N, C-alpha and C. Protein backbone atom coordinates (compact mmCIF):
# COMPACT_ATOMS: atom_id res chain seq x y z
N MET A 1 19.76 -20.75 -13.43
CA MET A 1 19.60 -19.87 -11.80
C MET A 1 19.21 -18.57 -12.30
N PRO A 2 18.13 -17.71 -12.49
CA PRO A 2 17.83 -16.86 -13.12
C PRO A 2 18.02 -15.72 -12.13
N ASN A 3 18.57 -14.55 -12.65
CA ASN A 3 18.95 -13.17 -11.79
C ASN A 3 18.18 -12.18 -12.10
N ILE A 4 17.30 -11.54 -11.47
CA ILE A 4 16.35 -10.20 -12.03
C ILE A 4 17.22 -9.18 -11.37
N VAL A 5 17.58 -8.36 -12.44
CA VAL A 5 18.27 -7.26 -11.88
C VAL A 5 17.55 -6.01 -12.26
N VAL A 6 17.37 -5.12 -11.26
CA VAL A 6 16.26 -3.80 -11.63
C VAL A 6 17.08 -2.53 -11.06
N ARG A 7 17.15 -1.66 -12.25
CA ARG A 7 17.72 -0.11 -11.65
C ARG A 7 16.22 0.38 -11.96
N THR A 8 16.27 1.13 -10.50
CA THR A 8 14.75 1.80 -10.75
C THR A 8 15.31 3.36 -10.29
N ALA A 9 14.92 4.15 -11.02
CA ALA A 9 14.93 5.71 -10.98
C ALA A 9 13.56 6.22 -9.81
N LEU A 10 13.49 6.37 -8.89
CA LEU A 10 12.69 6.45 -7.64
C LEU A 10 12.86 7.87 -7.82
N GLY A 11 11.67 8.27 -8.23
CA GLY A 11 11.37 9.97 -8.07
C GLY A 11 10.81 10.60 -6.76
N ALA A 12 11.44 11.62 -6.15
CA ALA A 12 10.71 12.21 -4.73
C ALA A 12 9.45 11.62 -4.64
N ASN A 13 9.29 11.36 -3.23
CA ASN A 13 8.20 10.80 -2.74
C ASN A 13 7.13 9.96 -3.36
N ALA A 14 7.97 9.02 -4.21
CA ALA A 14 7.59 8.11 -5.08
C ALA A 14 7.13 6.80 -4.75
N THR A 15 6.45 5.71 -5.50
CA THR A 15 6.58 4.31 -5.08
C THR A 15 6.66 3.90 -6.09
N ALA A 16 7.42 2.38 -6.38
CA ALA A 16 7.55 1.53 -7.34
C ALA A 16 7.46 0.00 -7.01
N ASP A 17 6.62 -0.65 -7.74
CA ASP A 17 6.56 -2.00 -7.96
C ASP A 17 7.78 -2.68 -9.00
N VAL A 18 8.89 -2.96 -7.91
CA VAL A 18 10.17 -3.43 -8.73
C VAL A 18 9.98 -4.66 -9.80
N LEU A 19 8.90 -5.85 -9.21
CA LEU A 19 8.92 -6.85 -10.42
C LEU A 19 7.47 -6.51 -11.24
N SER A 20 6.92 -5.99 -10.89
CA SER A 20 5.55 -5.85 -11.51
C SER A 20 5.73 -5.95 -13.31
N GLY A 21 5.14 -7.16 -13.91
CA GLY A 21 5.76 -7.34 -15.30
C GLY A 21 6.70 -7.98 -15.59
N SER A 22 7.34 -8.31 -14.78
CA SER A 22 8.59 -9.46 -14.89
C SER A 22 7.90 -10.81 -15.08
N GLN A 23 8.81 -11.55 -15.81
CA GLN A 23 8.54 -12.82 -16.47
C GLN A 23 8.57 -13.78 -14.84
N TYR A 24 9.42 -13.60 -13.92
CA TYR A 24 9.32 -14.13 -12.60
C TYR A 24 8.69 -13.54 -11.65
N GLU A 25 7.49 -12.56 -11.67
CA GLU A 25 6.50 -12.07 -10.87
C GLU A 25 5.79 -13.15 -10.26
N TYR A 26 5.35 -13.94 -11.01
CA TYR A 26 5.05 -15.14 -10.49
C TYR A 26 5.55 -16.62 -10.87
N LEU A 27 6.11 -17.01 -9.81
CA LEU A 27 7.35 -18.39 -9.94
C LEU A 27 7.02 -19.24 -10.79
N PRO A 28 7.67 -19.51 -11.77
CA PRO A 28 7.24 -21.21 -12.82
C PRO A 28 7.31 -21.90 -12.01
N PHE A 29 8.23 -22.20 -11.02
CA PHE A 29 8.88 -23.45 -10.21
C PHE A 29 9.22 -22.94 -8.93
N ALA A 30 9.77 -23.99 -8.32
CA ALA A 30 9.85 -23.69 -6.78
C ALA A 30 11.16 -23.41 -6.81
N ALA A 31 11.63 -22.72 -5.60
CA ALA A 31 12.76 -21.75 -5.54
C ALA A 31 13.06 -21.48 -4.31
N LEU A 32 14.58 -21.05 -4.16
CA LEU A 32 15.20 -20.33 -3.28
C LEU A 32 15.31 -19.05 -3.52
N VAL A 33 14.35 -17.97 -2.85
CA VAL A 33 14.52 -16.45 -3.46
C VAL A 33 15.58 -15.93 -2.48
N GLU A 34 16.31 -15.19 -3.02
CA GLU A 34 17.40 -14.17 -2.24
C GLU A 34 17.12 -13.03 -2.85
N VAL A 35 16.84 -11.95 -1.95
CA VAL A 35 17.13 -10.45 -2.36
C VAL A 35 18.08 -9.67 -1.79
N GLY A 36 18.76 -8.51 -2.81
CA GLY A 36 19.83 -7.90 -2.38
C GLY A 36 18.99 -6.60 -2.64
N ILE A 37 19.21 -5.20 -1.95
CA ILE A 37 18.72 -4.14 -2.48
C ILE A 37 19.65 -2.95 -1.86
N LEU A 38 20.21 -2.00 -2.95
CA LEU A 38 20.69 -0.89 -2.56
C LEU A 38 20.28 0.30 -3.08
N SER A 39 20.24 1.34 -2.41
CA SER A 39 19.84 2.72 -2.78
C SER A 39 21.23 3.63 -2.42
N ASP A 40 20.96 4.80 -3.55
CA ASP A 40 22.01 5.51 -3.43
C ASP A 40 22.21 6.69 -2.27
N ALA A 41 21.41 6.41 -1.50
CA ALA A 41 21.26 7.43 -0.43
C ALA A 41 20.05 7.04 0.69
N THR A 42 20.05 7.58 1.84
CA THR A 42 18.94 7.48 2.76
C THR A 42 17.73 7.82 2.23
N GLY A 43 16.27 7.39 3.01
CA GLY A 43 15.07 7.69 2.67
C GLY A 43 13.97 6.80 1.82
N VAL A 44 14.67 5.69 1.24
CA VAL A 44 14.30 4.51 0.56
C VAL A 44 13.64 3.49 1.52
N LEU A 45 12.45 3.38 1.25
CA LEU A 45 12.07 2.40 2.18
C LEU A 45 11.72 0.94 0.95
N ALA A 46 11.77 -0.23 1.83
CA ALA A 46 11.32 -1.33 0.99
C ALA A 46 10.23 -2.25 1.50
N THR A 47 9.56 -3.02 0.78
CA THR A 47 8.52 -4.27 1.53
C THR A 47 8.78 -5.36 0.49
N VAL A 48 8.84 -6.44 1.24
CA VAL A 48 9.36 -7.54 0.27
C VAL A 48 8.71 -8.88 0.92
N SER A 49 7.64 -9.65 -0.44
CA SER A 49 7.29 -10.53 0.15
C SER A 49 7.50 -11.76 -1.06
N SER A 50 7.03 -12.97 -0.59
CA SER A 50 7.16 -13.69 -1.36
C SER A 50 6.06 -14.89 -1.17
N GLY A 51 5.02 -14.77 -2.01
CA GLY A 51 3.86 -15.49 -1.82
C GLY A 51 3.16 -14.81 -0.59
N PRO A 52 2.78 -15.80 0.23
CA PRO A 52 2.17 -15.64 1.74
C PRO A 52 3.03 -15.26 2.69
N ASP A 53 4.36 -15.11 2.40
CA ASP A 53 5.35 -14.60 3.24
C ASP A 53 5.91 -13.32 3.28
N ILE A 54 5.77 -12.51 4.29
CA ILE A 54 6.33 -11.30 4.39
C ILE A 54 7.91 -11.43 4.63
N LEU A 55 8.87 -10.99 3.98
CA LEU A 55 10.12 -10.90 4.29
C LEU A 55 10.52 -9.94 4.91
N GLN A 56 9.89 -8.60 4.60
CA GLN A 56 10.34 -7.48 4.95
C GLN A 56 9.08 -6.47 5.28
N GLU A 57 8.71 -6.19 6.31
CA GLU A 57 7.62 -4.97 6.07
C GLU A 57 8.49 -3.76 5.69
N GLU A 58 8.00 -2.71 5.55
CA GLU A 58 8.54 -1.49 5.09
C GLU A 58 9.72 -1.19 6.33
N GLY A 59 10.71 -1.10 5.58
CA GLY A 59 11.96 -1.15 6.25
C GLY A 59 13.05 -0.36 5.23
N PRO A 60 14.05 0.13 6.23
CA PRO A 60 14.87 1.02 5.24
C PRO A 60 15.76 0.02 4.36
N VAL A 61 16.25 0.82 3.36
CA VAL A 61 17.08 -0.18 2.72
C VAL A 61 18.44 0.44 2.52
N GLN A 62 19.24 -0.65 2.10
CA GLN A 62 20.96 -0.65 2.58
C GLN A 62 21.51 0.58 1.52
N ILE A 63 22.56 1.18 1.94
CA ILE A 63 22.92 2.25 1.19
C ILE A 63 24.37 1.80 0.46
N GLY A 64 24.47 2.10 -0.61
CA GLY A 64 25.53 1.77 -1.51
C GLY A 64 25.82 2.80 -2.50
N THR A 65 26.93 2.76 -3.23
CA THR A 65 27.23 4.15 -4.03
C THR A 65 26.23 3.86 -5.25
N ILE A 66 26.02 4.98 -6.20
CA ILE A 66 24.98 5.13 -7.23
C ILE A 66 25.50 4.10 -8.06
N ASN A 67 24.53 3.28 -8.95
CA ASN A 67 24.53 2.13 -9.80
C ASN A 67 25.47 0.91 -9.20
N GLN A 68 25.67 0.74 -7.97
CA GLN A 68 26.40 -0.29 -7.41
C GLN A 68 25.55 -1.43 -6.97
N SER A 69 25.63 -2.81 -7.80
CA SER A 69 24.96 -3.83 -7.80
C SER A 69 25.12 -4.37 -6.22
N PRO A 70 24.08 -4.68 -5.62
CA PRO A 70 24.16 -5.51 -4.14
C PRO A 70 25.47 -6.91 -4.58
N ARG A 71 26.07 -6.98 -3.58
CA ARG A 71 26.99 -8.10 -3.67
C ARG A 71 26.73 -9.15 -3.08
N TYR A 72 26.59 -10.63 -3.75
CA TYR A 72 26.46 -11.45 -3.11
C TYR A 72 27.49 -12.19 -2.38
N PRO A 73 27.36 -12.92 -1.23
CA PRO A 73 26.20 -13.16 -0.48
C PRO A 73 26.13 -11.70 0.55
N ASP A 74 26.95 -10.91 0.63
CA ASP A 74 27.04 -9.76 1.53
C ASP A 74 25.81 -8.83 1.52
N ASP A 75 25.07 -8.62 0.52
CA ASP A 75 24.10 -7.38 0.64
C ASP A 75 22.71 -8.10 0.53
N PHE A 76 22.92 -9.36 0.67
CA PHE A 76 21.15 -10.54 0.17
C PHE A 76 20.88 -10.80 1.74
N PHE A 77 20.22 -9.91 2.29
CA PHE A 77 19.64 -10.36 3.83
C PHE A 77 18.42 -10.98 3.87
N LEU A 78 17.68 -11.01 2.17
CA LEU A 78 16.37 -11.59 2.80
C LEU A 78 16.25 -12.69 1.30
N SER A 79 15.59 -13.84 2.44
CA SER A 79 15.53 -15.28 1.71
C SER A 79 14.22 -15.84 2.13
N ASP A 80 13.88 -16.93 0.79
CA ASP A 80 12.49 -17.47 1.23
C ASP A 80 12.63 -18.75 0.36
N LEU A 81 11.90 -19.78 0.89
CA LEU A 81 11.66 -20.83 -0.11
C LEU A 81 10.42 -20.54 -1.02
N ALA A 82 10.24 -20.33 -2.06
CA ALA A 82 8.86 -20.46 -2.63
C ALA A 82 8.46 -21.35 -3.43
N ALA A 83 6.74 -21.23 -3.28
CA ALA A 83 6.45 -22.40 -4.23
C ALA A 83 5.91 -22.04 -5.55
N PRO A 84 6.08 -23.30 -6.73
CA PRO A 84 5.39 -22.33 -7.76
C PRO A 84 4.01 -21.67 -7.96
N GLY A 85 4.18 -20.66 -8.73
CA GLY A 85 2.98 -19.69 -8.66
C GLY A 85 2.91 -18.56 -7.55
N ASP A 86 3.85 -18.57 -6.65
CA ASP A 86 3.88 -17.63 -5.62
C ASP A 86 4.51 -16.27 -6.53
N ARG A 87 3.61 -15.14 -5.87
CA ARG A 87 3.87 -13.90 -6.33
C ARG A 87 5.15 -13.31 -5.54
N LEU A 88 6.36 -12.76 -6.38
CA LEU A 88 7.30 -11.90 -5.59
C LEU A 88 7.17 -10.81 -5.84
N LYS A 89 7.12 -10.13 -5.02
CA LYS A 89 6.84 -8.52 -4.44
C LYS A 89 7.97 -7.67 -4.14
N VAL A 90 8.30 -6.49 -4.73
CA VAL A 90 9.36 -5.60 -4.14
C VAL A 90 8.76 -4.38 -4.49
N ARG A 91 8.36 -4.04 -3.22
CA ARG A 91 7.98 -2.28 -3.27
C ARG A 91 8.64 -1.50 -2.69
N LEU A 92 8.86 -0.57 -3.40
CA LEU A 92 10.01 0.35 -2.80
C LEU A 92 9.30 1.91 -2.43
N ARG A 93 9.41 2.92 -1.63
CA ARG A 93 9.02 3.92 -1.20
C ARG A 93 9.95 4.64 -0.83
N ASP A 94 9.94 6.19 -1.68
CA ASP A 94 11.13 7.33 -1.33
C ASP A 94 10.38 8.16 -0.25
N THR A 95 10.70 8.43 0.66
CA THR A 95 10.49 9.16 1.85
C THR A 95 11.18 10.68 2.03
N SER A 96 12.08 10.83 1.13
CA SER A 96 12.87 12.20 0.71
C SER A 96 12.02 13.28 0.04
N ALA A 97 12.68 14.11 -0.18
CA ALA A 97 12.56 14.98 -1.47
C ALA A 97 13.26 15.22 -2.42
N ALA A 98 14.11 13.96 -2.40
CA ALA A 98 15.12 13.92 -3.65
C ALA A 98 14.62 12.36 -4.45
N ALA A 99 14.66 12.73 -5.56
CA ALA A 99 15.17 11.35 -6.56
C ALA A 99 16.27 10.52 -5.98
N ARG A 100 15.91 9.16 -5.95
CA ARG A 100 16.83 8.24 -5.90
C ARG A 100 17.05 7.20 -6.49
N VAL A 101 18.40 6.74 -6.53
CA VAL A 101 18.46 5.43 -7.81
C VAL A 101 18.68 4.12 -6.57
N VAL A 102 17.92 3.39 -7.05
CA VAL A 102 17.73 2.05 -6.22
C VAL A 102 17.93 0.56 -7.23
N LEU A 103 19.24 -0.18 -6.66
CA LEU A 103 19.29 -1.54 -7.43
C LEU A 103 18.83 -2.74 -6.81
N THR A 104 17.92 -3.32 -7.49
CA THR A 104 17.46 -4.32 -6.91
C THR A 104 18.13 -5.80 -7.37
N VAL A 105 18.40 -7.06 -7.05
CA VAL A 105 18.67 -8.19 -7.54
C VAL A 105 18.03 -9.06 -6.65
N VAL A 106 16.96 -9.71 -7.69
CA VAL A 106 16.55 -11.20 -6.94
C VAL A 106 17.15 -12.39 -7.73
N LYS A 107 17.61 -13.26 -7.05
CA LYS A 107 18.24 -14.51 -7.20
C LYS A 107 17.46 -15.78 -7.18
N LEU A 108 17.13 -16.44 -8.26
CA LEU A 108 16.36 -17.47 -8.20
C LEU A 108 17.10 -18.80 -8.11
N THR A 109 16.81 -19.48 -7.29
CA THR A 109 17.82 -21.08 -7.35
C THR A 109 16.63 -22.18 -7.47
N PRO A 110 16.01 -22.82 -8.52
CA PRO A 110 14.96 -23.95 -8.72
C PRO A 110 15.27 -25.19 -7.58
N VAL A 111 14.50 -25.43 -6.70
CA VAL A 111 14.71 -26.60 -5.69
C VAL A 111 13.89 -27.66 -6.26
């Protein structure tokens, strides 16, 4: 069961594609995908998709303390059954005038 853990230093008013370049950006197998995202402060929005399925249109990210990973299952609000070859996409956008630290965890359970 792979876990993708990404710490993103998101600049002020910046955008980041968290899974870009990851080995699991395009799923090599069918999987249950579960996503947890925590930011160190308000002002971060996330758009999350799994293949053709939009799991979250741009919306606020849950707040945690700096460098705190999302806790399973409490902070994993997004899930989907994905097919082999589906693209996983987590796009973060900062709307504040300050840099933010965002921790993203994607759990993949083969099905």
